[in-house]
C-alpha atoms as a PDB file:
ATOM      1  CA  MET A   1     -19.086   9.110  -9.177  1.00  0.00           C
ATOM      2  CA  LYS A   2     -19.998   9.449  -5.498  1.00  0.00           C
ATOM      3  CA  ILE A   3     -17.491  10.436  -2.828  1.00  0.00           C
ATOM      4  CA  TRP A   4     -17.901  10.426   0.951  1.00  0.00           C
ATOM      5  CA  LEU A   5     -16.686  13.720   2.366  1.00  0.00           C
ATOM      6  CA  ASP A   6     -17.057  14.698   6.000  1.00  0.00           C
ATOM      7  CA  GLY A   7     -20.221  12.818   6.809  1.00  0.00           C
ATOM      8  CA  ALA A   8     -22.140  12.539   3.550  1.00  0.00           C
ATOM      9  CA  LEU A   9     -22.093  11.172   0.014  1.00  0.00           C
ATOM     10  CA  ARG A  10     -21.482  13.862  -2.573  1.00  0.00           C
ATOM     11  CA  ASP A  11     -21.122  14.029  -6.326  1.00  0.00           C
ATOM     12  CA  ALA A  12     -17.526  14.121  -7.492  1.00  0.00           C
ATOM     13  CA  GLY A  13     -18.105  17.555  -9.016  1.00  0.00           C
ATOM     14  CA  THR A  14     -19.258  19.070  -5.742  1.00  0.00           C
ATOM     15  CA  ALA A  15     -17.004  17.228  -3.278  1.00  0.00           C
ATOM     16  CA  GLN A  16     -14.628  20.017  -2.341  1.00  0.00           C
ATOM     17  CA  VAL A  17     -11.802  20.206   0.183  1.00  0.00           C
ATOM     18  CA  SER A  18     -10.400  23.572   1.247  1.00  0.00           C
ATOM     19  CA  VAL A  19      -7.153  24.714  -0.374  1.00  0.00           C
ATOM     20  CA  LEU A  20      -6.009  25.299   3.222  1.00  0.00           C
ATOM     21  CA  ASP A  21      -6.507  21.667   4.234  1.00  0.00           C
ATOM     22  CA  HIS A  22      -3.318  20.472   5.931  1.00  0.00           C
ATOM     23  CA  GLY A  23      -3.327  17.343   3.799  1.00  0.00           C
ATOM     24  CA  LEU A  24      -2.911  19.576   0.730  1.00  0.00           C
ATOM     25  CA  THR A  25      -0.564  22.227   2.073  1.00  0.00           C
ATOM     26  CA  VAL A  26       1.947  20.011   3.928  1.00  0.00           C
ATOM     27  CA  GLY A  27       0.894  16.395   3.316  1.00  0.00           C
ATOM     28  CA  ASP A  28      -0.409  16.043   6.876  1.00  0.00           C
ATOM     29  CA  GLY A  29      -2.601  12.996   6.499  1.00  0.00           C
ATOM     30  CA  VAL A  30      -2.841   9.219   6.407  1.00  0.00           C
ATOM     31  CA  PHE A  31      -4.592   6.898   4.020  1.00  0.00           C
ATOM     32  CA  GLU A  32      -5.471   3.313   3.165  1.00  0.00           C
ATOM     33  CA  THR A  33      -5.958   1.645  -0.203  1.00  0.00           C
ATOM     34  CA  LEU A  34      -8.135  -1.466  -0.202  1.00  0.00           C
ATOM     35  CA  LYS A  35      -9.216  -3.959  -2.803  1.00  0.00           C
ATOM     36  CA  ALA A  36     -12.989  -4.077  -3.274  1.00  0.00           C
ATOM     37  CA  VAL A  37     -14.523  -7.208  -4.801  1.00  0.00           C
ATOM     38  CA  ASP A  38     -18.166  -7.133  -5.914  1.00  0.00           C
ATOM     39  CA  GLY A  39     -18.940  -4.248  -3.601  1.00  0.00           C
ATOM     40  CA  ARG A  40     -17.137  -5.628  -0.535  1.00  0.00           C
ATOM     41  CA  ALA A  41     -13.894  -4.285   0.914  1.00  0.00           C
ATOM     42  CA  PHE A  42     -11.176  -6.885   1.478  1.00  0.00           C
ATOM     43  CA  ALA A  43      -9.453  -7.051   4.892  1.00  0.00           C
ATOM     44  CA  LEU A  44     -11.295  -3.926   6.056  1.00  0.00           C
ATOM     45  CA  THR A  45     -10.670  -4.517   9.763  1.00  0.00           C
ATOM     46  CA  ARG A  46      -6.903  -4.808   9.280  1.00  0.00           C
ATOM     47  CA  HIS A  47      -6.840  -1.694   7.132  1.00  0.00           C
ATOM     48  CA  LEU A  48      -8.843   0.312   9.673  1.00  0.00           C
ATOM     49  CA  ASP A  49      -6.538  -0.817  12.456  1.00  0.00           C
ATOM     50  CA  ARG A  50      -3.560   0.435  10.446  1.00  0.00           C
ATOM     51  CA  LEU A  51      -5.361   3.706   9.617  1.00  0.00           C
ATOM     52  CA  ALA A  52      -5.814   4.313  13.330  1.00  0.00           C
ATOM     53  CA  ARG A  53      -2.152   3.410  14.078  1.00  0.00           C
ATOM     54  CA  SER A  54      -0.942   5.770  11.359  1.00  0.00           C
ATOM     55  CA  ALA A  55      -3.175   8.579  12.649  1.00  0.00           C
ATOM     56  CA  ARG A  56      -1.852   8.118  16.194  1.00  0.00           C
ATOM     57  CA  GLY A  57       1.721   8.056  14.912  1.00  0.00           C
ATOM     58  CA  LEU A  58       1.160  11.330  13.080  1.00  0.00           C
ATOM     59  CA  GLY A  59      -0.533  12.894  16.097  1.00  0.00           C
ATOM     60  CA  LEU A  60      -3.941  13.192  14.442  1.00  0.00           C
ATOM     61  CA  PRO A  61      -7.160  12.724  16.439  1.00  0.00           C
ATOM     62  CA  GLU A  62      -8.346   9.130  16.559  1.00  0.00           C
ATOM     63  CA  PRO A  63     -10.548   8.464  13.519  1.00  0.00           C
ATOM     64  CA  ASP A  64     -14.137   7.345  14.108  1.00  0.00           C
ATOM     65  CA  LEU A  65     -13.805   3.875  12.628  1.00  0.00           C
ATOM     66  CA  ASP A  66     -17.557   3.267  12.707  1.00  0.00           C
ATOM     67  CA  GLU A  67     -17.990   6.321  10.491  1.00  0.00           C
ATOM     68  CA  VAL A  68     -15.226   5.095   8.188  1.00  0.00           C
ATOM     69  CA  ARG A  69     -17.010   1.746   7.868  1.00  0.00           C
ATOM     70  CA  ARG A  70     -20.280   3.514   7.031  1.00  0.00           C
ATOM     71  CA  ALA A  71     -18.486   5.658   4.495  1.00  0.00           C
ATOM     72  CA  CYS A  72     -16.915   2.635   2.804  1.00  0.00           C
ATOM     73  CA  ALA A  73     -20.251   0.830   2.637  1.00  0.00           C
ATOM     74  CA  ALA A  74     -22.018   3.879   1.227  1.00  0.00           C
ATOM     75  CA  VAL A  75     -19.417   4.517  -1.466  1.00  0.00           C
ATOM     76  CA  LEU A  76     -19.295   0.871  -2.512  1.00  0.00           C
ATOM     77  CA  ALA A  77     -23.084   0.715  -2.720  1.00  0.00           C
ATOM     78  CA  ALA A  78     -23.146   3.882  -4.834  1.00  0.00           C
ATOM     79  CA  GLU A  79     -20.340   2.720  -7.151  1.00  0.00           C
ATOM     80  CA  PRO A  80     -20.770  -1.025  -7.729  1.00  0.00           C
ATOM     81  CA  VAL A  81     -17.725  -2.369  -9.595  1.00  0.00           C
ATOM     82  CA  PRO A  82     -16.509  -5.974  -9.909  1.00  0.00           C
ATOM     83  CA  LEU A  83     -13.009  -4.958  -8.829  1.00  0.00           C
ATOM     84  CA  GLY A  84     -12.283  -1.597  -7.267  1.00  0.00           C
ATOM     85  CA  ARG A  85      -9.630   0.526  -5.583  1.00  0.00           C
ATOM     86  CA  LEU A  86     -11.151   1.867  -2.367  1.00  0.00           C
ATOM     87  CA  ARG A  87      -9.265   4.846  -0.964  1.00  0.00           C
ATOM     88  CA  ILE A  88      -9.666   6.219   2.571  1.00  0.00           C
ATOM     89  CA  THR A  89      -7.959   9.566   3.222  1.00  0.00           C
ATOM     90  CA  TYR A  90      -7.827  11.231   6.655  1.00  0.00           C
ATOM     91  CA  THR A  91      -6.062  14.582   7.002  1.00  0.00           C
ATOM     92  CA  GLY A  92      -5.260  17.275   9.533  1.00  0.00           C
ATOM     93  CA  GLY A  93      -8.126  19.408   8.227  1.00  0.00           C
ATOM     94  CA  LEU A  94      -8.350  23.157   7.789  1.00  0.00           C
ATOM     95  CA  SER A  95      -5.168  24.716   9.193  1.00  0.00           C
ATOM     96  CA  PRO A  96      -3.004  27.826   8.940  1.00  0.00           C
ATOM     97  CA  LEU A  97      -0.393  27.996   6.193  1.00  0.00           C
ATOM     98  CA  GLY A  98       2.653  26.256   7.636  1.00  0.00           C
ATOM     99  CA  SER A  99       3.334  23.123   9.663  1.00  0.00           C
ATOM    100  CA  ASP A 100       1.243  24.011  12.733  1.00  0.00           C
ATOM    101  CA  ARG A 101      -2.205  22.416  12.796  1.00  0.00           C
ATOM    102  CA  GLY A 102      -5.353  24.410  13.296  1.00  0.00           C
ATOM    103  CA  ASP A 103      -8.240  23.691  15.666  1.00  0.00           C
ATOM    104  CA  GLN A 104     -10.664  22.398  13.024  1.00  0.00           C
ATOM    105  CA  PRO A 105     -11.653  18.703  12.830  1.00  0.00           C
ATOM    106  CA  PRO A 106      -9.861  16.320  10.482  1.00  0.00           C
ATOM    107  CA  THR A 107     -11.068  15.747   6.938  1.00  0.00           C
ATOM    108  CA  LEU A 108     -12.327  12.291   5.921  1.00  0.00           C
ATOM    109  CA  VAL A 109     -12.635  11.355   2.249  1.00  0.00           C
ATOM    110  CA  VAL A 110     -13.594   7.914   0.897  1.00  0.00           C
ATOM    111  CA  ALA A 111     -13.772   7.139  -2.806  1.00  0.00           C
ATOM    112  CA  VAL A 112     -13.681   4.093  -5.073  1.00  0.00           C
ATOM    113  CA  GLY A 113     -12.514   3.688  -8.642  1.00  0.00           C
ATOM    114  CA  GLU A 114     -12.534   0.743 -11.003  1.00  0.00           C
ATOM    115  CA  ALA A 115      -9.426  -1.460 -10.957  1.00  0.00           C
ATOM    116  CA  HIS A 116      -8.135  -4.183 -13.247  1.00  0.00           C
ATOM    117  CA  ARG A 117      -6.482  -7.516 -12.569  1.00  0.00           C
ATOM    118  CA  ARG A 118      -2.696  -7.305 -12.624  1.00  0.00           C
ATOM    119  CA  PRO A 119      -0.668  -9.724 -14.751  1.00  0.00           C
ATOM    120  CA  GLU A 120       0.969 -12.626 -12.908  1.00  0.00           C
ATOM    121  CA  THR A 121       4.439 -11.110 -13.333  1.00  0.00           C
ATOM    122  CA  THR A 122       5.999  -7.697 -13.745  1.00  0.00           C
ATOM    123  CA  ALA A 123       9.352  -5.930 -14.102  1.00  0.00           C
ATOM    124  CA  VAL A 124      10.953  -3.858 -11.324  1.00  0.00           C
ATOM    125  CA  VAL A 125      13.974  -1.591 -10.995  1.00  0.00           C
ATOM    126  CA  THR A 126      16.118  -0.565  -8.060  1.00  0.00           C
ATOM    127  CA  VAL A 127      16.716   3.114  -7.281  1.00  0.00           C
ATOM    128  CA  ASP A 128      19.574   4.892  -5.536  1.00  0.00           C
ATOM    129  CA  TRP A 129      17.327   6.792  -3.106  1.00  0.00           C
ATOM    130  CA  THR A 130      16.920   5.221   0.341  1.00  0.00           C
ATOM    131  CA  ARG A 131      14.210   4.663   2.902  1.00  0.00           C
ATOM    132  CA  ASN A 132      14.942   6.054   6.352  1.00  0.00           C
ATOM    133  CA  GLU A 133      14.296   3.244   8.818  1.00  0.00           C
ATOM    134  CA  ARG A 134      14.609   5.703  11.727  1.00  0.00           C
ATOM    135  CA  GLY A 135      12.458   8.568  10.419  1.00  0.00           C
ATOM    136  CA  ALA A 136       9.484  10.176  12.142  1.00  0.00           C
ATOM    137  CA  LEU A 137       7.110   8.729   9.539  1.00  0.00           C
ATOM    138  CA  THR A 138       8.660   5.264   9.309  1.00  0.00           C
ATOM    139  CA  GLY A 139       5.969   2.603   9.359  1.00  0.00           C
ATOM    140  CA  LEU A 140       3.132   5.103   8.887  1.00  0.00           C
ATOM    141  CA  LYS A 141       1.017   5.153   5.728  1.00  0.00           C
ATOM    142  CA  THR A 142       0.967   8.897   5.218  1.00  0.00           C
ATOM    143  CA  THR A 143      -0.072  11.059   2.284  1.00  0.00           C
ATOM    144  CA  SER A 144       3.520  12.340   1.965  1.00  0.00           C
ATOM    145  CA  TYR A 145       4.079  10.273  -1.175  1.00  0.00           C
ATOM    146  CA  ALA A 146       6.135  12.558  -3.446  1.00  0.00           C
ATOM    147  CA  GLU A 147       9.229  10.359  -3.043  1.00  0.00           C
ATOM    148  CA  ASN A 148       7.220   7.408  -4.315  1.00  0.00           C
ATOM    149  CA  VAL A 149       5.912   9.431  -7.255  1.00  0.00           C
ATOM    150  CA  VAL A 150       9.467  10.269  -8.334  1.00  0.00           C
ATOM    151  CA  ALA A 151      10.712   6.683  -7.945  1.00  0.00           C
ATOM    152  CA  LEU A 152       7.714   5.191  -9.741  1.00  0.00           C
ATOM    153  CA  ALA A 153       8.217   7.596 -12.628  1.00  0.00           C
ATOM    154  CA  ARG A 154      11.809   6.343 -12.864  1.00  0.00           C
ATOM    155  CA  ALA A 155      10.526   2.773 -13.014  1.00  0.00           C
ATOM    156  CA  ARG A 156       8.025   3.635 -15.758  1.00  0.00           C
ATOM    157  CA  GLU A 157      10.801   5.210 -17.820  1.00  0.00           C
ATOM    158  CA  GLN A 158      12.573   1.845 -17.740  1.00  0.00           C
ATOM    159  CA  GLY A 159       9.543  -0.248 -18.639  1.00  0.00           C
ATOM    160  CA  ALA A 160       8.835  -1.420 -15.087  1.00  0.00           C
ATOM    161  CA  THR A 161       5.849  -1.046 -12.767  1.00  0.00           C
ATOM    162  CA  GLU A 162       7.662  -0.767  -9.454  1.00  0.00           C
ATOM    163  CA  ALA A 163      10.842   0.661  -7.918  1.00  0.00           C
ATOM    164  CA  LEU A 164      12.591  -1.004  -4.981  1.00  0.00           C
ATOM    165  CA  PHE A 165      14.419   0.866  -2.224  1.00  0.00           C
ATOM    166  CA  ALA A 166      17.232  -0.018   0.138  1.00  0.00           C
ATOM    167  CA  ASN A 167      17.283   1.565   3.586  1.00  0.00           C
ATOM    168  CA  THR A 168      20.080   3.753   4.961  1.00  0.00           C
ATOM    169  CA  VAL A 169      22.261   0.762   5.869  1.00  0.00           C
ATOM    170  CA  GLY A 170      21.936  -0.854   2.435  1.00  0.00           C
ATOM    171  CA  ALA A 171      19.364  -3.518   3.319  1.00  0.00           C
ATOM    172  CA  LEU A 172      16.454  -4.386   1.033  1.00  0.00           C
ATOM    173  CA  CYS A 173      13.379  -2.496   2.214  1.00  0.00           C
ATOM    174  CA  GLU A 174      10.287  -2.153   0.003  1.00  0.00           C
ATOM    175  CA  GLY A 175       8.736  -0.777  -3.178  1.00  0.00           C
ATOM    176  CA  THR A 176       6.917   2.507  -3.688  1.00  0.00           C
ATOM    177  CA  GLY A 177       3.606   0.821  -2.918  1.00  0.00           C
ATOM    178  CA  SER A 178       4.474  -2.817  -2.330  1.00  0.00           C
ATOM    179  CA  ASN A 179       6.401  -5.219  -0.152  1.00  0.00           C
ATOM    180  CA  VAL A 180       9.036  -7.497  -1.648  1.00  0.00           C
ATOM    181  CA  PHE A 181       9.667 -11.209  -1.077  1.00  0.00           C
ATOM    182  CA  VAL A 182      12.543 -13.371  -2.302  1.00  0.00           C
ATOM    183  CA  VAL A 183      12.886 -17.144  -2.585  1.00  0.00           C
ATOM    184  CA  LEU A 184      16.224 -18.645  -1.521  1.00  0.00           C
ATOM    185  CA  ASP A 185      16.715 -22.423  -1.682  1.00  0.00           C
ATOM    186  CA  GLY A 186      12.951 -22.929  -1.662  1.00  0.00           C
ATOM    187  CA  GLU A 187      12.292 -20.695   1.360  1.00  0.00           C
ATOM    188  CA  ILE A 188      10.375 -17.406   1.209  1.00  0.00           C
ATOM    189  CA  HIS A 189      11.935 -14.363   2.906  1.00  0.00           C
ATOM    190  CA  THR A 190      10.803 -10.758   3.285  1.00  0.00           C
ATOM    191  CA  PRO A 191      12.436  -7.774   5.032  1.00  0.00           C
ATOM    192  CA  PRO A 192      11.294  -7.228   8.622  1.00  0.00           C
ATOM    193  CA  VAL A 193       9.343  -4.127   9.590  1.00  0.00           C
ATOM    194  CA  SER A 194      12.508  -2.932  11.370  1.00  0.00           C
ATOM    195  CA  SER A 195      14.016  -2.398   7.902  1.00  0.00           C
ATOM    196  CA  GLY A 196      11.728   0.621   7.557  1.00  0.00           C
ATOM    197  CA  CYS A 197       9.191  -0.999   5.251  1.00  0.00           C
ATOM    198  CA  LEU A 198       5.476  -0.446   5.666  1.00  0.00           C
ATOM    199  CA  ALA A 199       3.705  -3.275   7.477  1.00  0.00           C
ATOM    200  CA  GLY A 200       1.601  -4.151   4.445  1.00  0.00           C
ATOM    201  CA  ILE A 201      -1.729  -5.887   4.955  1.00  0.00           C
ATOM    202  CA  THR A 202      -1.151  -8.257   2.031  1.00  0.00           C
ATOM    203  CA  ARG A 203       2.401  -8.766   3.290  1.00  0.00           C
ATOM    204  CA  ALA A 204       1.136  -9.866   6.715  1.00  0.00           C
ATOM    205  CA  LEU A 205      -1.405 -12.261   5.229  1.00  0.00           C
ATOM    206  CA  THR A 206       1.216 -13.716   2.883  1.00  0.00           C
ATOM    207  CA  VAL A 207       3.578 -14.305   5.808  1.00  0.00           C
ATOM    208  CA  GLU A 208       0.796 -15.977   7.795  1.00  0.00           C
ATOM    209  CA  TRP A 209      -0.479 -18.123   4.943  1.00  0.00           C
ATOM    210  CA  THR A 210       2.832 -19.220   3.385  1.00  0.00           C
ATOM    211  CA  GLY A 211       5.160 -19.384   6.373  1.00  0.00           C
ATOM    212  CA  ALA A 212       7.510 -16.781   4.907  1.00  0.00           C
ATOM    213  CA  ARG A 213      10.376 -15.703   7.162  1.00  0.00           C
ATOM    214  CA  GLU A 214      11.208 -12.118   8.098  1.00  0.00           C
ATOM    215  CA  THR A 215      14.910 -11.748   7.366  1.00  0.00           C
ATOM    216  CA  ASP A 216      17.386  -8.881   7.097  1.00  0.00           C
ATOM    217  CA  LEU A 217      18.415  -9.017   3.436  1.00  0.00           C
ATOM    218  CA  PRO A 218      21.179  -7.159   1.580  1.00  0.00           C
ATOM    219  CA  MET A 219      20.227  -5.486  -1.686  1.00  0.00           C
ATOM    220  CA  ASP A 220      22.357  -7.923  -3.664  1.00  0.00           C
ATOM    221  CA  VAL A 221      19.912 -10.681  -2.735  1.00  0.00           C
ATOM    222  CA  LEU A 222      17.978  -9.480  -5.783  1.00  0.00           C
ATOM    223  CA  GLU A 223      20.902 -10.632  -7.945  1.00  0.00           C
ATOM    224  CA  ARG A 224      20.876 -14.193  -6.602  1.00  0.00           C
ATOM    225  CA  ALA A 225      17.315 -14.937  -5.500  1.00  0.00           C
ATOM    226  CA  ASP A 226      15.720 -17.904  -7.255  1.00  0.00           C
ATOM    227  CA  GLU A 227      12.382 -16.078  -7.363  1.00  0.00           C
ATOM    228  CA  ILE A 228      11.095 -12.630  -6.415  1.00  0.00           C
ATOM    229  CA  PHE A 229       7.542 -11.442  -5.886  1.00  0.00           C
ATOM    230  CA  LEU A 230       5.657  -8.372  -4.731  1.00  0.00           C
ATOM    231  CA  THR A 231       2.582  -7.999  -2.552  1.00  0.00           C
ATOM    232  CA  SER A 232       0.107  -5.145  -2.211  1.00  0.00           C
ATOM    233  CA  SER A 233      -3.623  -4.606  -1.933  1.00  0.00           C
ATOM    234  CA  LEU A 234      -4.146  -4.321  -5.694  1.00  0.00           C
ATOM    235  CA  ARG A 235      -1.363  -6.668  -6.812  1.00  0.00           C
ATOM    236  CA  ASP A 236      -2.186  -9.435  -4.314  1.00  0.00           C
ATOM    237  CA  VAL A 237       0.858 -11.679  -4.971  1.00  0.00           C
ATOM    238  CA  GLN A 238       2.650 -10.819  -8.208  1.00  0.00           C
ATOM    239  CA  GLY A 239       5.772 -12.502  -9.546  1.00  0.00           C
ATOM    240  CA  VAL A 240       8.769 -10.568 -10.868  1.00  0.00           C
ATOM    241  CA  HIS A 241      10.276 -11.565 -14.205  1.00  0.00           C
ATOM    242  CA  ARG A 242      12.918  -8.826 -14.458  1.00  0.00           C
ATOM    243  CA  VAL A 243      14.977  -6.799 -11.970  1.00  0.00           C
ATOM    244  CA  ASP A 244      16.983  -4.039 -13.620  1.00  0.00           C
ATOM    245  CA  GLY A 245      18.850  -5.970 -16.343  1.00  0.00           C
ATOM    246  CA  ARG A 246      18.392  -9.429 -14.858  1.00  0.00           C
ATOM    247  CA  THR A 247      15.703 -11.726 -16.249  1.00  0.00           C
ATOM    248  CA  LEU A 248      14.322 -14.455 -14.005  1.00  0.00           C
ATOM    249  CA  ALA A 249      13.553 -17.581 -16.006  1.00  0.00           C
ATOM    250  CA  ALA A 250      10.080 -19.090 -16.003  1.00  0.00           C
ATOM    251  CA  ALA A 251       8.498 -16.488 -13.747  1.00  0.00           C
ATOM    252  CA  PRO A 252       6.398 -16.963 -11.758  1.00  0.00           C
ATOM    253  CA  GLY A 253       8.520 -19.763 -10.345  1.00  0.00           C
ATOM    254  CA  PRO A 254       7.026 -22.728  -8.506  1.00  0.00           C
ATOM    255  CA  VAL A 255       7.206 -21.191  -5.022  1.00  0.00           C
ATOM    256  CA  THR A 256       5.699 -17.926  -6.217  1.00  0.00           C
ATOM    257  CA  ALA A 257       2.998 -19.748  -8.151  1.00  0.00           C
ATOM    258  CA  LYS A 258       2.079 -21.669  -4.999  1.00  0.00           C
ATOM    259  CA  ALA A 259       1.944 -18.414  -2.999  1.00  0.00           C
ATOM    260  CA  ILE A 260      -0.315 -16.871  -5.658  1.00  0.00           C
ATOM    261  CA  GLY A 261      -2.648 -19.855  -5.406  1.00  0.00           C
ATOM    262  CA  ILE A 262      -2.711 -19.875  -1.618  1.00  0.00           C
ATOM    263  CA  PHE A 263      -3.478 -16.171  -1.444  1.00  0.00           C
ATOM    264  CA  ALA A 264      -6.233 -16.425  -4.045  1.00  0.00           C
ATOM    265  CA  GLU A 265      -7.870 -19.348  -2.245  1.00  0.00           C
ATOM    266  CA  ARG A 266      -7.623 -17.948   1.275  1.00  0.00           C
ATOM    267  CA  SER A 267      -8.723 -14.419   0.344  1.00  0.00           C
ATOM    268  CA  ALA A 268     -11.714 -15.737  -1.605  1.00  0.00           C
ATOM    269  CA  ALA A 269     -12.784 -17.775   1.413  1.00  0.00           C
ATOM    270  CA  ASP A 270     -12.708 -14.857   3.882  1.00  0.00           C
ATOM    271  CA  ILE A 271     -13.359 -11.249   2.859  1.00  0.00           C
ATOM    272  CA  ASP A 272     -12.130  -9.903   6.211  1.00  0.00           C
ATOM    273  CA  PRO A 273      -9.351 -12.212   7.424  1.00  0.00           C
END
């Protein structure tokens, strides 16, 4: 396995990051996860734009996006897989122990691993923990993911693949690594970015391509929605057949099935929409 680390391709066994890297010691970093199809990264421009926005929001130096593109191309050429998970990680670099950053340059790591097609539907659970729609990291895709690890483990314990959060005012927000959509009377709705959810790349494309509406939604919408689906870079559009103890009949429903088809067709036609 080849990994891009700070300017060059390296073998996985020799690609080493300092134990004093700020991304390791305090989670001071941002990242992107992309779908790679036959050696090509999907929606790379959108992902790089968000990487740069997240870095600015965290106060990191602006990433060299031309270098990131070269790194992605090099890793994908070295690890050709039909379907892959491409991960870009950009951290605060070598720093003192503690929250203050040092004066060393950021660390850039790019790697790809094989991925597998997700089933058309999945089960999800809700969790009692909340997203903070007013936090310093709200809307940034940072490496501070421990909260998601805990919530996803809870979901796995209950036979689900995703956990859904409310925000601090009780509105539906997002999953640990996905955005959530509901169908009400034939119309598709998804929480607005102001809810505290991440502005997902697949979410944005789904809104553009299906005409979904951004709507403030209470958590109990999950109890009455006709259909529910998730979006993310590796899920694309995935229907939900169970939420907590509630089973949704005939999932994916007709609206979700149409959204799945639209996304598959449009994404196949344009690798960088």
